[in-house]
PDB file of N, CA and C in Angstrom:
ATOM      1  N   UNK A   1      33.243 -46.454   5.919  1.00  0.00           N
ATOM      2  CA  UNK A   1      32.841 -45.215   5.311  1.00  0.00           C
ATOM      3  C   UNK A   1      32.199 -44.333   6.381  1.00  0.00           C
ATOM      4  N   UNK A   2      32.599 -43.093   6.404  1.00  0.00           N
ATOM      5  CA  UNK A   2      32.055 -42.147   7.365  1.00  0.00           C
ATOM      6  C   UNK A   2      30.655 -41.712   6.931  1.00  0.00           C
ATOM      7  N   UNK A   3      29.776 -41.484   7.881  1.00  0.00           N
ATOM      8  CA  UNK A   3      28.416 -41.056   7.567  1.00  0.00           C
ATOM      9  C   UNK A   3      28.090 -39.758   8.282  1.00  0.00           C
ATOM     10  N   UNK A   4      27.067 -39.064   7.792  1.00  0.00           N
ATOM     11  CA  UNK A   4      26.558 -37.836   8.397  1.00  0.00           C
ATOM     12  C   UNK A   4      25.050 -37.944   8.468  1.00  0.00           C
ATOM     13  N   UNK A   5      24.485 -37.319   9.465  1.00  0.00           N
ATOM     14  CA  UNK A   5      23.038 -37.241   9.574  1.00  0.00           C
ATOM     15  C   UNK A   5      22.618 -35.875   9.054  1.00  0.00           C
ATOM     16  N   UNK A   6      21.649 -35.864   8.136  1.00  0.00           N
ATOM     17  CA  UNK A   6      21.150 -34.601   7.594  1.00  0.00           C
ATOM     18  C   UNK A   6      19.639 -34.569   7.716  1.00  0.00           C
ATOM     19  N   UNK A   7      19.099 -33.373   7.828  1.00  0.00           N
ATOM     20  CA  UNK A   7      17.651 -33.212   7.877  1.00  0.00           C
ATOM     21  C   UNK A   7      17.183 -32.779   6.492  1.00  0.00           C
ATOM     22  N   UNK A   8      16.183 -33.479   5.970  1.00  0.00           N
ATOM     23  CA  UNK A   8      15.555 -33.070   4.725  1.00  0.00           C
ATOM     24  C   UNK A   8      14.042 -33.082   4.936  1.00  0.00           C
ATOM     25  N   UNK A   9      13.373 -32.315   4.128  1.00  0.00           N
ATOM     26  CA  UNK A   9      11.917 -32.269   4.274  1.00  0.00           C
ATOM     27  C   UNK A   9      11.308 -33.598   3.844  1.00  0.00           C
ATOM     28  N   UNK A  10      10.096 -33.808   4.257  1.00  0.00           N
ATOM     29  CA  UNK A  10       9.384 -35.023   3.868  1.00  0.00           C
ATOM     30  C   UNK A  10       9.182 -35.057   2.350  1.00  0.00           C
ATOM     31  N   UNK A  11       8.938 -33.887   1.767  1.00  0.00           N
ATOM     32  CA  UNK A  11       8.767 -33.803   0.308  1.00  0.00           C
ATOM     33  C   UNK A  11      10.042 -34.246  -0.400  1.00  0.00           C
ATOM     34  N   UNK A  12      11.203 -33.737   0.070  1.00  0.00           N
ATOM     35  CA  UNK A  12      12.478 -34.121  -0.537  1.00  0.00           C
ATOM     36  C   UNK A  12      12.727 -35.615  -0.376  1.00  0.00           C
ATOM     37  N   UNK A  13      12.451 -36.135   0.802  1.00  0.00           N
ATOM     38  CA  UNK A  13      12.631 -37.563   1.049  1.00  0.00           C
ATOM     39  C   UNK A  13      11.750 -38.400   0.118  1.00  0.00           C
ATOM     40  N   UNK A  14      10.496 -38.002  -0.024  1.00  0.00           N
ATOM     41  CA  UNK A  14       9.583 -38.738  -0.901  1.00  0.00           C
ATOM     42  C   UNK A  14      10.034 -38.697  -2.359  1.00  0.00           C
ATOM     43  N   UNK A  15      10.567 -37.556  -2.780  1.00  0.00           N
ATOM     44  CA  UNK A  15      11.053 -37.456  -4.168  1.00  0.00           C
ATOM     45  C   UNK A  15      12.264 -38.361  -4.397  1.00  0.00           C
ATOM     46  N   UNK A  16      13.171 -38.372  -3.426  1.00  0.00           N
ATOM     47  CA  UNK A  16      14.342 -39.250  -3.555  1.00  0.00           C
ATOM     48  C   UNK A  16      13.896 -40.703  -3.611  1.00  0.00           C
ATOM     49  N   UNK A  17      12.999 -41.087  -2.737  1.00  0.00           N
ATOM     50  CA  UNK A  17      12.514 -42.468  -2.713  1.00  0.00           C
ATOM     51  C   UNK A  17      11.804 -42.819  -4.022  1.00  0.00           C
ATOM     52  N   UNK A  18      11.090 -41.860  -4.608  1.00  0.00           N
ATOM     53  CA  UNK A  18      10.338 -42.140  -5.839  1.00  0.00           C
ATOM     54  C   UNK A  18      11.245 -42.367  -7.049  1.00  0.00           C
ATOM     55  N   UNK A  19      12.469 -41.854  -7.021  1.00  0.00           N
ATOM     56  CA  UNK A  19      13.373 -42.043  -8.175  1.00  0.00           C
ATOM     57  C   UNK A  19      14.456 -43.079  -7.900  1.00  0.00           C
ATOM     58  N   UNK A  20      14.373 -43.698  -6.736  1.00  0.00           N
ATOM     59  CA  UNK A  20      15.346 -44.718  -6.370  1.00  0.00           C
ATOM     60  C   UNK A  20      15.238 -45.922  -7.291  1.00  0.00           C
ATOM     61  N   UNK A  21      16.382 -46.475  -7.666  1.00  0.00           N
ATOM     62  CA  UNK A  21      16.411 -47.709  -8.451  1.00  0.00           C
ATOM     63  C   UNK A  21      16.507 -48.890  -7.483  1.00  0.00           C
ATOM     64  N   UNK A  22      16.390 -50.105  -8.002  1.00  0.00           N
ATOM     65  CA  UNK A  22      16.424 -51.316  -7.163  1.00  0.00           C
ATOM     66  C   UNK A  22      17.623 -51.326  -6.220  1.00  0.00           C
ATOM     67  N   UNK A  23      17.351 -51.567  -4.955  1.00  0.00           N
ATOM     68  CA  UNK A  23      18.391 -51.699  -3.926  1.00  0.00           C
ATOM     69  C   UNK A  23      19.291 -50.477  -3.782  1.00  0.00           C
ATOM     70  N   UNK A  24      18.852 -49.319  -4.258  1.00  0.00           N
ATOM     71  CA  UNK A  24      19.651 -48.109  -4.167  1.00  0.00           C
ATOM     72  C   UNK A  24      19.322 -47.388  -2.863  1.00  0.00           C
ATOM     73  N   UNK A  25      20.352 -46.969  -2.143  1.00  0.00           N
ATOM     74  CA  UNK A  25      20.141 -46.209  -0.913  1.00  0.00           C
ATOM     75  C   UNK A  25      19.922 -44.745  -1.262  1.00  0.00           C
ATOM     76  N   UNK A  26      19.480 -43.982  -0.276  1.00  0.00           N
ATOM     77  CA  UNK A  26      19.317 -42.539  -0.490  1.00  0.00           C
ATOM     78  C   UNK A  26      20.670 -41.917  -0.832  1.00  0.00           C
ATOM     79  N   UNK A  27      21.725 -42.356  -0.185  1.00  0.00           N
ATOM     80  CA  UNK A  27      23.070 -41.863  -0.525  1.00  0.00           C
ATOM     81  C   UNK A  27      23.421 -42.174  -1.972  1.00  0.00           C
ATOM     82  N   UNK A  28      23.092 -43.377  -2.435  1.00  0.00           N
ATOM     83  CA  UNK A  28      23.352 -43.753  -3.826  1.00  0.00           C
ATOM     84  C   UNK A  28      22.635 -42.821  -4.794  1.00  0.00           C
ATOM     85  N   UNK A  29      21.377 -42.480  -4.472  1.00  0.00           N
ATOM     86  CA  UNK A  29      20.598 -41.588  -5.332  1.00  0.00           C
ATOM     87  C   UNK A  29      21.262 -40.215  -5.396  1.00  0.00           C
ATOM     88  N   UNK A  30      21.654 -39.689  -4.245  1.00  0.00           N
ATOM     89  CA  UNK A  30      22.288 -38.366  -4.207  1.00  0.00           C
ATOM     90  C   UNK A  30      23.580 -38.368  -5.002  1.00  0.00           C
ATOM     91  N   UNK A  31      24.396 -39.398  -4.838  1.00  0.00           N
ATOM     92  CA  UNK A  31      25.658 -39.490  -5.577  1.00  0.00           C
ATOM     93  C   UNK A  31      25.393 -39.595  -7.074  1.00  0.00           C
ATOM     94  N   UNK A  32      24.391 -40.376  -7.458  1.00  0.00           N
ATOM     95  CA  UNK A  32      24.058 -40.534  -8.867  1.00  0.00           C
ATOM     96  C   UNK A  32      23.618 -39.208  -9.490  1.00  0.00           C
ATOM     97  N   UNK A  33      22.867 -38.423  -8.735  1.00  0.00           N
ATOM     98  CA  UNK A  33      22.309 -37.186  -9.279  1.00  0.00           C
ATOM     99  C   UNK A  33      23.252 -35.987  -9.195  1.00  0.00           C
ATOM    100  N   UNK A  34      24.199 -36.025  -8.286  1.00  0.00           N
ATOM    101  CA  UNK A  34      25.112 -34.891  -8.095  1.00  0.00           C
ATOM    102  C   UNK A  34      26.417 -35.160  -8.829  1.00  0.00           C
ATOM    103  N   UNK A  35      26.623 -34.433  -9.893  1.00  0.00           N
ATOM    104  CA  UNK A  35      27.807 -34.607 -10.723  1.00  0.00           C
ATOM    105  C   UNK A  35      29.064 -34.158  -9.975  1.00  0.00           C
ATOM    106  N   UNK A  36      30.114 -34.946 -10.092  1.00  0.00           N
ATOM    107  CA  UNK A  36      31.418 -34.581  -9.548  1.00  0.00           C
ATOM    108  C   UNK A  36      31.992 -33.477 -10.430  1.00  0.00           C
ATOM    109  N   UNK A  37      32.295 -32.287  -9.876  1.00  0.00           N
ATOM    110  CA  UNK A  37      32.778 -31.179 -10.709  1.00  0.00           C
ATOM    111  C   UNK A  37      34.111 -31.472 -11.388  1.00  0.00           C
ATOM    112  N   UNK A  38      34.867 -32.436 -10.889  1.00  0.00           N
ATOM    113  CA  UNK A  38      36.164 -32.783 -11.474  1.00  0.00           C
ATOM    114  C   UNK A  38      36.041 -33.837 -12.568  1.00  0.00           C
ATOM    115  N   UNK A  39      34.873 -34.442 -12.687  1.00  0.00           N
ATOM    116  CA  UNK A  39      34.693 -35.543 -13.625  1.00  0.00           C
ATOM    117  C   UNK A  39      34.162 -35.019 -14.962  1.00  0.00           C
ATOM    118  N   UNK A  40      34.800 -35.405 -16.070  1.00  0.00           N
ATOM    119  CA  UNK A  40      34.286 -34.974 -17.370  1.00  0.00           C
ATOM    120  C   UNK A  40      32.840 -35.444 -17.581  1.00  0.00           C
ATOM    121  N   UNK A  41      32.045 -34.650 -18.270  1.00  0.00           N
ATOM    122  CA  UNK A  41      30.629 -34.960 -18.466  1.00  0.00           C
ATOM    123  C   UNK A  41      30.418 -36.316 -19.142  1.00  0.00           C
ATOM    124  N   UNK A  42      31.298 -36.683 -20.059  1.00  0.00           N
ATOM    125  CA  UNK A  42      31.133 -37.959 -20.767  1.00  0.00           C
ATOM    126  C   UNK A  42      31.251 -39.133 -19.796  1.00  0.00           C
ATOM    127  N   UNK A  43      32.123 -39.015 -18.804  1.00  0.00           N
ATOM    128  CA  UNK A  43      32.287 -40.082 -17.818  1.00  0.00           C
ATOM    129  C   UNK A  43      31.009 -40.223 -16.993  1.00  0.00           C
ATOM    130  N   UNK A  44      30.431 -39.102 -16.606  1.00  0.00           N
ATOM    131  CA  UNK A  44      29.172 -39.125 -15.865  1.00  0.00           C
ATOM    132  C   UNK A  44      28.105 -39.845 -16.682  1.00  0.00           C
ATOM    133  N   UNK A  45      28.030 -39.533 -17.970  1.00  0.00           N
ATOM    134  CA  UNK A  45      27.047 -40.174 -18.854  1.00  0.00           C
ATOM    135  C   UNK A  45      27.318 -41.673 -18.972  1.00  0.00           C
ATOM    136  N   UNK A  46      28.563 -42.035 -19.234  1.00  0.00           N
ATOM    137  CA  UNK A  46      28.891 -43.445 -19.456  1.00  0.00           C
ATOM    138  C   UNK A  46      28.628 -44.305 -18.224  1.00  0.00           C
ATOM    139  N   UNK A  47      28.754 -43.745 -17.047  1.00  0.00           N
ATOM    140  CA  UNK A  47      28.468 -44.512 -15.832  1.00  0.00           C
ATOM    141  C   UNK A  47      27.000 -44.918 -15.757  1.00  0.00           C
ATOM    142  N   UNK A  48      26.140 -44.201 -16.481  1.00  0.00           N
ATOM    143  CA  UNK A  48      24.708 -44.508 -16.461  1.00  0.00           C
ATOM    144  C   UNK A  48      24.304 -45.468 -17.578  1.00  0.00           C
ATOM    145  N   UNK A  49      25.224 -45.723 -18.507  1.00  0.00           N
ATOM    146  CA  UNK A  49      24.950 -46.616 -19.634  1.00  0.00           C
ATOM    147  C   UNK A  49      25.175 -48.058 -19.174  1.00  0.00           C
ATOM    148  N   UNK A  50      24.279 -48.976 -19.551  1.00  0.00           N
ATOM    149  CA  UNK A  50      24.484 -50.383 -19.173  1.00  0.00           C
ATOM    150  C   UNK A  50      25.835 -50.918 -19.657  1.00  0.00           C
ATOM    151  N   UNK A  51      26.405 -51.831 -18.892  1.00  0.00           N
ATOM    152  CA  UNK A  51      27.753 -52.353 -19.164  1.00  0.00           C
ATOM    153  C   UNK A  51      27.876 -52.890 -20.585  1.00  0.00           C
ATOM    154  N   UNK A  52      26.880 -53.664 -21.041  1.00  0.00           N
ATOM    155  CA  UNK A  52      26.996 -54.239 -22.386  1.00  0.00           C
ATOM    156  C   UNK A  52      27.031 -53.144 -23.458  1.00  0.00           C
ATOM    157  N   UNK A  53      26.321 -52.043 -23.233  1.00  0.00           N
ATOM    158  CA  UNK A  53      26.359 -50.930 -24.182  1.00  0.00           C
ATOM    159  C   UNK A  53      27.699 -50.200 -24.119  1.00  0.00           C
ATOM    160  N   UNK A  54      28.270 -50.099 -22.913  1.00  0.00           N
ATOM    161  CA  UNK A  54      29.595 -49.482 -22.786  1.00  0.00           C
ATOM    162  C   UNK A  54      30.638 -50.285 -23.550  1.00  0.00           C
ATOM    163  N   UNK A  55      30.518 -51.616 -23.484  1.00  0.00           N
ATOM    164  CA  UNK A  55      31.464 -52.465 -24.211  1.00  0.00           C
ATOM    165  C   UNK A  55      31.321 -52.270 -25.716  1.00  0.00           C
ATOM    166  N   UNK A  56      30.093 -52.140 -26.190  1.00  0.00           N
ATOM    167  CA  UNK A  56      29.847 -51.890 -27.615  1.00  0.00           C
ATOM    168  C   UNK A  56      30.453 -50.549 -28.027  1.00  0.00           C
ATOM    169  N   UNK A  57      30.255 -49.524 -27.200  1.00  0.00           N
ATOM    170  CA  UNK A  57      30.823 -48.206 -27.493  1.00  0.00           C
ATOM    171  C   UNK A  57      32.346 -48.286 -27.518  1.00  0.00           C
ATOM    172  N   UNK A  58      32.936 -48.963 -26.538  1.00  0.00           N
ATOM    173  CA  UNK A  58      34.393 -49.089 -26.473  1.00  0.00           C
ATOM    174  C   UNK A  58      34.936 -49.806 -27.703  1.00  0.00           C
ATOM    175  N   UNK A  59      34.281 -50.884 -28.130  1.00  0.00           N
ATOM    176  CA  UNK A  59      34.709 -51.605 -29.335  1.00  0.00           C
ATOM    177  C   UNK A  59      34.653 -50.702 -30.560  1.00  0.00           C
ATOM    178  N   UNK A  60      33.601 -49.927 -30.662  1.00  0.00           N
ATOM    179  CA  UNK A  60      33.436 -49.014 -31.798  1.00  0.00           C
ATOM    180  C   UNK A  60      34.531 -47.942 -31.810  1.00  0.00           C
ATOM    181  N   UNK A  61      34.842 -47.408 -30.637  1.00  0.00           N
ATOM    182  CA  UNK A  61      35.893 -46.395 -30.535  1.00  0.00           C
ATOM    183  C   UNK A  61      37.240 -46.990 -30.925  1.00  0.00           C
ATOM    184  N   UNK A  62      37.535 -48.193 -30.433  1.00  0.00           N
ATOM    185  CA  UNK A  62      38.804 -48.845 -30.772  1.00  0.00           C
ATOM    186  C   UNK A  62      38.910 -49.127 -32.263  1.00  0.00           C
ATOM    187  N   UNK A  63      37.824 -49.586 -32.878  1.00  0.00           N
ATOM    188  CA  UNK A  63      37.822 -49.857 -34.312  1.00  0.00           C
ATOM    189  C   UNK A  63      38.036 -48.565 -35.104  1.00  0.00           C
ATOM    190  N   UNK A  64      37.371 -47.511 -34.687  1.00  0.00           N
ATOM    191  CA  UNK A  64      37.534 -46.223 -35.370  1.00  0.00           C
ATOM    192  C   UNK A  64      38.966 -45.726 -35.247  1.00  0.00           C
ATOM    193  N   UNK A  65      39.574 -45.892 -34.066  1.00  0.00           N
ATOM    194  CA  UNK A  65      40.957 -45.470 -33.882  1.00  0.00           C
ATOM    195  C   UNK A  65      41.900 -46.250 -34.790  1.00  0.00           C
ATOM    196  N   UNK A  66      41.682 -47.564 -34.897  1.00  0.00           N
ATOM    197  CA  UNK A  66      42.521 -48.380 -35.777  1.00  0.00           C
ATOM    198  C   UNK A  66      42.417 -47.892 -37.216  1.00  0.00           C
ATOM    199  N   UNK A  67      41.197 -47.591 -37.654  1.00  0.00           N
ATOM    200  CA  UNK A  67      40.995 -47.113 -39.013  1.00  0.00           C
ATOM    201  C   UNK A  67      41.658 -45.755 -39.228  1.00  0.00           C
ATOM    202  N   UNK A  68      41.556 -44.881 -38.247  1.00  0.00           N
ATOM    203  CA  UNK A  68      42.197 -43.575 -38.356  1.00  0.00           C
ATOM    204  C   UNK A  68      43.720 -43.708 -38.388  1.00  0.00           C
ATOM    205  N   UNK A  69      44.251 -44.628 -37.574  1.00  0.00           N
ATOM    206  CA  UNK A  69      45.693 -44.853 -37.549  1.00  0.00           C
ATOM    207  C   UNK A  69      46.193 -45.355 -38.906  1.00  0.00           C
ATOM    208  N   UNK A  70      45.344 -46.091 -39.634  1.00  0.00           N
ATOM    209  CA  UNK A  70      45.717 -46.602 -40.951  1.00  0.00           C
ATOM    210  C   UNK A  70      45.473 -45.573 -42.049  1.00  0.00           C
ATOM    211  N   UNK A  71      44.796 -44.479 -41.702  1.00  0.00           N
ATOM    212  CA  UNK A  71      44.524 -43.437 -42.685  1.00  0.00           C
ATOM    213  C   UNK A  71      43.204 -43.624 -43.409  1.00  0.00           C
ATOM    214  N   UNK A  72      42.373 -44.545 -42.939  1.00  0.00           N
ATOM    215  CA  UNK A  72      41.054 -44.747 -43.546  1.00  0.00           C
ATOM    216  C   UNK A  72      40.119 -43.629 -43.110  1.00  0.00           C
ATOM    217  N   UNK A  73      39.244 -43.281 -43.993  1.00  0.00           N
ATOM    218  CA  UNK A  73      38.206 -42.316 -43.651  1.00  0.00           C
ATOM    219  C   UNK A  73      36.874 -43.026 -43.793  1.00  0.00           C
ATOM    220  N   UNK A  74      36.126 -43.081 -42.669  1.00  0.00           N
ATOM    221  CA  UNK A  74      34.826 -43.752 -42.684  1.00  0.00           C
ATOM    222  C   UNK A  74      33.746 -42.706 -42.904  1.00  0.00           C
ATOM    223  N   UNK A  75      32.864 -42.985 -43.842  1.00  0.00           N
ATOM    224  CA  UNK A  75      31.772 -42.036 -44.136  1.00  0.00           C
ATOM    225  C   UNK A  75      30.468 -42.677 -43.741  1.00  0.00           C
TER     226      UNK A  75
END
């Protein structure tokens, strides 16, 4: 992976470090916080949801689709 050296203020550096998650690099923090303009907003959100919750959401969506395909209406 190619890298670049950038200058940031000490204040900016301290803020990035303060919001860093476990074992996250400064690059990881920047990527996490800067939304990809080509990526739908829901994808950005789902990437932040824990894996087990994503699986629950996916199961729910699949079940709802099956019901809709059968013509069921869930209230």
